[in-house]
Amino acid sequence: MGRKILVADDDQIGRKIATFVGVQLGASIFPCENGEEAWKLVCKSLDEGKHVGASKSSLPFDCILMDCEMPMMNGVEATARIRKAEESYGVRIPIIALTAHKKGQEIDNMIQAGVDGYLTKPLNKNVFLKTISEIICNV
């Protein structure tokens, strides 16, 4: 796969599972413990890379896995802030929501904030790969 994936999840076990699955798929994983940490890392990476009008191949991350429910800054707010920051650079990094729910307000809120898709926990390796492949290819 050779991708760079940012994983934002306050649950250490959730981060470990996402990291394990991502590494099995050949990706480099950048773990964050909350939405604020993820948002700051994306902003820093965009600024350092000067990604104005960047192509998909030069984005700082190929995708972001964003847990919905986190302390400090939840996934909805972090996603909205990342989308706002991207506007300055004319780029869009695919964001996939991670949720324990298969439907409902949480998913609706994440979609409104700008996620490109969602995965339910616990992560299934095959569904994870299929979702990431579809989203990376279509964004």
C-alpha atoms as a PDB file:
ATOM      1  CA  MET A   1       0.000   0.000   0.000  1.00  0.00           C
ATOM      2  CA  GLY A   2       2.838   2.460   0.866  1.00  0.00           C
ATOM      3  CA  ARG A   3       0.453   5.068   2.300  1.00  0.00           C
ATOM      4  CA  LYS A   4       0.686   7.540   5.178  1.00  0.00           C
ATOM      5  CA  ILE A   5      -2.288   7.318   7.511  1.00  0.00           C
ATOM      6  CA  LEU A   6      -2.970   9.605  10.459  1.00  0.00           C
ATOM      7  CA  VAL A   7      -4.973   7.821  13.171  1.00  0.00           C
ATOM      8  CA  ALA A   8      -6.803   9.994  15.724  1.00  0.00           C
ATOM      9  CA  ASP A   9      -8.316   7.899  18.513  1.00  0.00           C
ATOM     10  CA  ASP A  10      -8.277   8.553  22.257  1.00  0.00           C
ATOM     11  CA  ASP A  11      -8.559   4.843  22.978  1.00  0.00           C
ATOM     12  CA  GLN A  12      -5.105   3.264  23.122  1.00  0.00           C
ATOM     13  CA  ILE A  13      -6.477  -0.115  22.058  1.00  0.00           C
ATOM     14  CA  GLY A  14      -8.295   1.506  19.124  1.00  0.00           C
ATOM     15  CA  ARG A  15      -5.038   3.177  18.011  1.00  0.00           C
ATOM     16  CA  LYS A  16      -3.162  -0.110  18.346  1.00  0.00           C
ATOM     17  CA  ILE A  17      -5.746  -1.976  16.271  1.00  0.00           C
ATOM     18  CA  ALA A  18      -5.749   0.702  13.551  1.00  0.00           C
ATOM     19  CA  THR A  19      -1.944   0.749  13.587  1.00  0.00           C
ATOM     20  CA  PHE A  20      -1.735  -3.041  13.392  1.00  0.00           C
ATOM     21  CA  VAL A  21      -4.176  -3.234  10.480  1.00  0.00           C
ATOM     22  CA  GLY A  22      -2.529  -0.289   8.692  1.00  0.00           C
ATOM     23  CA  VAL A  23       0.967  -1.721   9.061  1.00  0.00           C
ATOM     24  CA  GLN A  24      -0.259  -5.109   7.793  1.00  0.00           C
ATOM     25  CA  LEU A  25      -1.432  -3.240   4.706  1.00  0.00           C
ATOM     26  CA  GLY A  26       1.994  -1.622   4.286  1.00  0.00           C
ATOM     27  CA  ALA A  27       1.084   1.858   5.525  1.00  0.00           C
ATOM     28  CA  SER A  28       3.056   4.199   7.766  1.00  0.00           C
ATOM     29  CA  ILE A  29       0.913   5.210  10.736  1.00  0.00           C
ATOM     30  CA  PHE A  30       0.952   8.547  12.553  1.00  0.00           C
ATOM     31  CA  PRO A  31      -1.013   8.138  15.818  1.00  0.00           C
ATOM     32  CA  CYS A  32      -2.744  10.986  17.689  1.00  0.00           C
ATOM     33  CA  GLU A  33      -4.625  10.788  20.984  1.00  0.00           C
ATOM     34  CA  ASN A  34      -7.296  13.382  20.220  1.00  0.00           C
ATOM     35  CA  GLY A  35      -8.765  15.613  17.556  1.00  0.00           C
ATOM     36  CA  GLU A  36      -6.799  18.665  18.603  1.00  0.00           C
ATOM     37  CA  GLU A  37      -3.505  16.818  18.218  1.00  0.00           C
ATOM     38  CA  ALA A  38      -4.584  15.575  14.776  1.00  0.00           C
ATOM     39  CA  TRP A  39      -5.727  19.024  13.640  1.00  0.00           C
ATOM     40  CA  LYS A  40      -2.446  20.627  14.772  1.00  0.00           C
ATOM     41  CA  LEU A  41      -0.379  17.916  13.052  1.00  0.00           C
ATOM     42  CA  VAL A  42      -2.280  18.373   9.788  1.00  0.00           C
ATOM     43  CA  CYS A  43      -1.878  22.169   9.950  1.00  0.00           C
ATOM     44  CA  LYS A  44       1.833  21.871  10.739  1.00  0.00           C
ATOM     45  CA  SER A  45       2.362  19.347   7.943  1.00  0.00           C
ATOM     46  CA  LEU A  46       0.485  21.473   5.418  1.00  0.00           C
ATOM     47  CA  ASP A  47       2.442  24.578   6.418  1.00  0.00           C
ATOM     48  CA  GLU A  48       5.836  22.856   6.388  1.00  0.00           C
ATOM     49  CA  GLY A  49       5.159  21.227   3.043  1.00  0.00           C
ATOM     50  CA  LYS A  50       3.651  24.342   1.475  1.00  0.00           C
ATOM     51  CA  HIS A  51       1.060  22.097  -0.148  1.00  0.00           C
ATOM     52  CA  VAL A  52      -0.727  24.840  -2.089  1.00  0.00           C
ATOM     53  CA  GLY A  53      -2.423  23.123  -5.014  1.00  0.00           C
ATOM     54  CA  ALA A  54      -0.653  19.917  -4.110  1.00  0.00           C
ATOM     55  CA  SER A  55      -1.358  16.736  -6.000  1.00  0.00           C
ATOM     56  CA  LYS A  56      -2.633  13.665  -4.171  1.00  0.00           C
ATOM     57  CA  SER A  57       0.871  12.191  -4.202  1.00  0.00           C
ATOM     58  CA  SER A  58       2.340  15.126  -2.255  1.00  0.00           C
ATOM     59  CA  LEU A  59      -0.268  15.475   0.502  1.00  0.00           C
ATOM     60  CA  PRO A  60       1.127  15.047   4.033  1.00  0.00           C
ATOM     61  CA  PHE A  61      -1.249  12.107   4.649  1.00  0.00           C
ATOM     62  CA  ASP A  62      -3.047   9.816   2.244  1.00  0.00           C
ATOM     63  CA  CYS A  63      -5.955   9.635   4.658  1.00  0.00           C
ATOM     64  CA  ILE A  64      -6.998  10.348   8.214  1.00  0.00           C
ATOM     65  CA  LEU A  65      -8.885   7.898  10.423  1.00  0.00           C
ATOM     66  CA  MET A  66     -10.833  10.101  12.844  1.00  0.00           C
ATOM     67  CA  ASP A  67     -12.575   8.714  15.916  1.00  0.00           C
ATOM     68  CA  CYS A  68     -15.868  10.514  16.519  1.00  0.00           C
ATOM     69  CA  GLU A  69     -15.858  10.668  20.312  1.00  0.00           C
ATOM     70  CA  MET A  70     -12.668  12.055  21.881  1.00  0.00           C
ATOM     71  CA  PRO A  71     -11.849  14.425  24.736  1.00  0.00           C
ATOM     72  CA  MET A  72     -10.351  17.908  24.194  1.00  0.00           C
ATOM     73  CA  MET A  73     -11.611  18.068  20.591  1.00  0.00           C
ATOM     74  CA  ASN A  74     -14.001  15.512  19.149  1.00  0.00           C
ATOM     75  CA  GLY A  75     -13.890  14.151  15.618  1.00  0.00           C
ATOM     76  CA  VAL A  76     -16.614  16.470  14.330  1.00  0.00           C
ATOM     77  CA  GLU A  77     -14.781  19.629  15.382  1.00  0.00           C
ATOM     78  CA  ALA A  78     -11.376  18.315  14.298  1.00  0.00           C
ATOM     79  CA  THR A  79     -12.722  17.357  10.866  1.00  0.00           C
ATOM     80  CA  ALA A  80     -14.366  20.768  10.414  1.00  0.00           C
ATOM     81  CA  ARG A  81     -11.135  22.544  11.421  1.00  0.00           C
ATOM     82  CA  ILE A  82      -9.026  20.389   9.103  1.00  0.00           C
ATOM     83  CA  ARG A  83     -11.405  21.136   6.212  1.00  0.00           C
ATOM     84  CA  LYS A  84     -11.126  24.868   6.968  1.00  0.00           C
ATOM     85  CA  ALA A  85      -7.303  24.689   7.081  1.00  0.00           C
ATOM     86  CA  GLU A  86      -7.195  22.792   3.777  1.00  0.00           C
ATOM     87  CA  GLU A  87      -9.037  25.640   2.031  1.00  0.00           C
ATOM     88  CA  SER A  88      -5.920  27.831   2.324  1.00  0.00           C
ATOM     89  CA  TYR A  89      -3.905  25.230   0.432  1.00  0.00           C
ATOM     90  CA  GLY A  90      -6.491  24.118  -2.115  1.00  0.00           C
ATOM     91  CA  VAL A  91      -6.185  20.482  -1.005  1.00  0.00           C
ATOM     92  CA  ARG A  92      -8.402  17.816   0.527  1.00  0.00           C
ATOM     93  CA  ILE A  93      -7.119  14.883   2.566  1.00  0.00           C
ATOM     94  CA  PRO A  94      -9.591  11.992   2.758  1.00  0.00           C
ATOM     95  CA  ILE A  95     -11.008  11.625   6.273  1.00  0.00           C
ATOM     96  CA  ILE A  96     -12.679   8.416   7.410  1.00  0.00           C
ATOM     97  CA  ALA A  97     -14.738   8.524  10.605  1.00  0.00           C
ATOM     98  CA  LEU A  98     -14.283   5.724  13.132  1.00  0.00           C
ATOM     99  CA  THR A  99     -17.414   4.973  15.117  1.00  0.00           C
ATOM    100  CA  ALA A 100     -18.993   2.296  17.242  1.00  0.00           C
ATOM    101  CA  HIS A 101     -22.367   3.105  15.647  1.00  0.00           C
ATOM    102  CA  LYS A 102     -23.638   1.877  12.277  1.00  0.00           C
ATOM    103  CA  LYS A 103     -26.035   4.805  11.892  1.00  0.00           C
ATOM    104  CA  GLY A 104     -27.391   7.809  13.740  1.00  0.00           C
ATOM    105  CA  GLN A 105     -26.642  11.394  14.669  1.00  0.00           C
ATOM    106  CA  GLU A 106     -22.926  10.835  15.247  1.00  0.00           C
ATOM    107  CA  ILE A 107     -22.385   9.681  11.675  1.00  0.00           C
ATOM    108  CA  ASP A 108     -24.645  12.455  10.326  1.00  0.00           C
ATOM    109  CA  ASN A 109     -22.599  15.050  12.239  1.00  0.00           C
ATOM    110  CA  MET A 110     -19.327  13.674  10.886  1.00  0.00           C
ATOM    111  CA  ILE A 111     -20.667  13.717   7.317  1.00  0.00           C
ATOM    112  CA  GLN A 112     -21.763  17.346   7.779  1.00  0.00           C
ATOM    113  CA  ALA A 113     -18.271  18.183   9.072  1.00  0.00           C
ATOM    114  CA  GLY A 114     -16.763  16.775   5.873  1.00  0.00           C
ATOM    115  CA  VAL A 115     -15.726  13.139   6.263  1.00  0.00           C
ATOM    116  CA  ASP A 116     -15.464  11.071   3.104  1.00  0.00           C
ATOM    117  CA  GLY A 117     -16.720   7.854   4.668  1.00  0.00           C
ATOM    118  CA  TYR A 118     -16.886   5.910   7.888  1.00  0.00           C
ATOM    119  CA  LEU A 119     -15.851   2.597   9.400  1.00  0.00           C
ATOM    120  CA  THR A 120     -17.377   0.891  12.393  1.00  0.00           C
ATOM    121  CA  LYS A 121     -15.269  -0.466  15.228  1.00  0.00           C
ATOM    122  CA  PRO A 122     -13.735  -2.910  15.673  1.00  0.00           C
ATOM    123  CA  LEU A 123     -11.870  -2.514  12.403  1.00  0.00           C
ATOM    124  CA  ASN A 124     -12.089  -5.354   9.928  1.00  0.00           C
ATOM    125  CA  LYS A 125      -8.926  -5.593   7.818  1.00  0.00           C
ATOM    126  CA  ASN A 126     -10.727  -6.307   4.534  1.00  0.00           C
ATOM    127  CA  VAL A 127     -13.378  -3.612   5.005  1.00  0.00           C
ATOM    128  CA  PHE A 128     -10.647  -1.178   6.101  1.00  0.00           C
ATOM    129  CA  LEU A 129      -8.599  -1.840   2.953  1.00  0.00           C
ATOM    130  CA  LYS A 130     -11.639  -1.657   0.661  1.00  0.00           C
ATOM    131  CA  THR A 131     -12.869   1.619   2.190  1.00  0.00           C
ATOM    132  CA  ILE A 132      -9.472   3.296   2.132  1.00  0.00           C
ATOM    133  CA  SER A 133      -8.785   2.165  -1.438  1.00  0.00           C
ATOM    134  CA  GLU A 134     -12.148   3.462  -2.658  1.00  0.00           C
ATOM    135  CA  ILE A 135     -11.849   6.798  -0.880  1.00  0.00           C
ATOM    136  CA  ILE A 136      -8.221   7.467  -1.827  1.00  0.00           C
ATOM    137  CA  CYS A 137      -8.959   6.679  -5.464  1.00  0.00           C
ATOM    138  CA  ASN A 138     -12.144   8.779  -5.600  1.00  0.00           C
ATOM    139  CA  VAL A 139     -11.156  11.944  -3.720  1.00  0.00           C
END
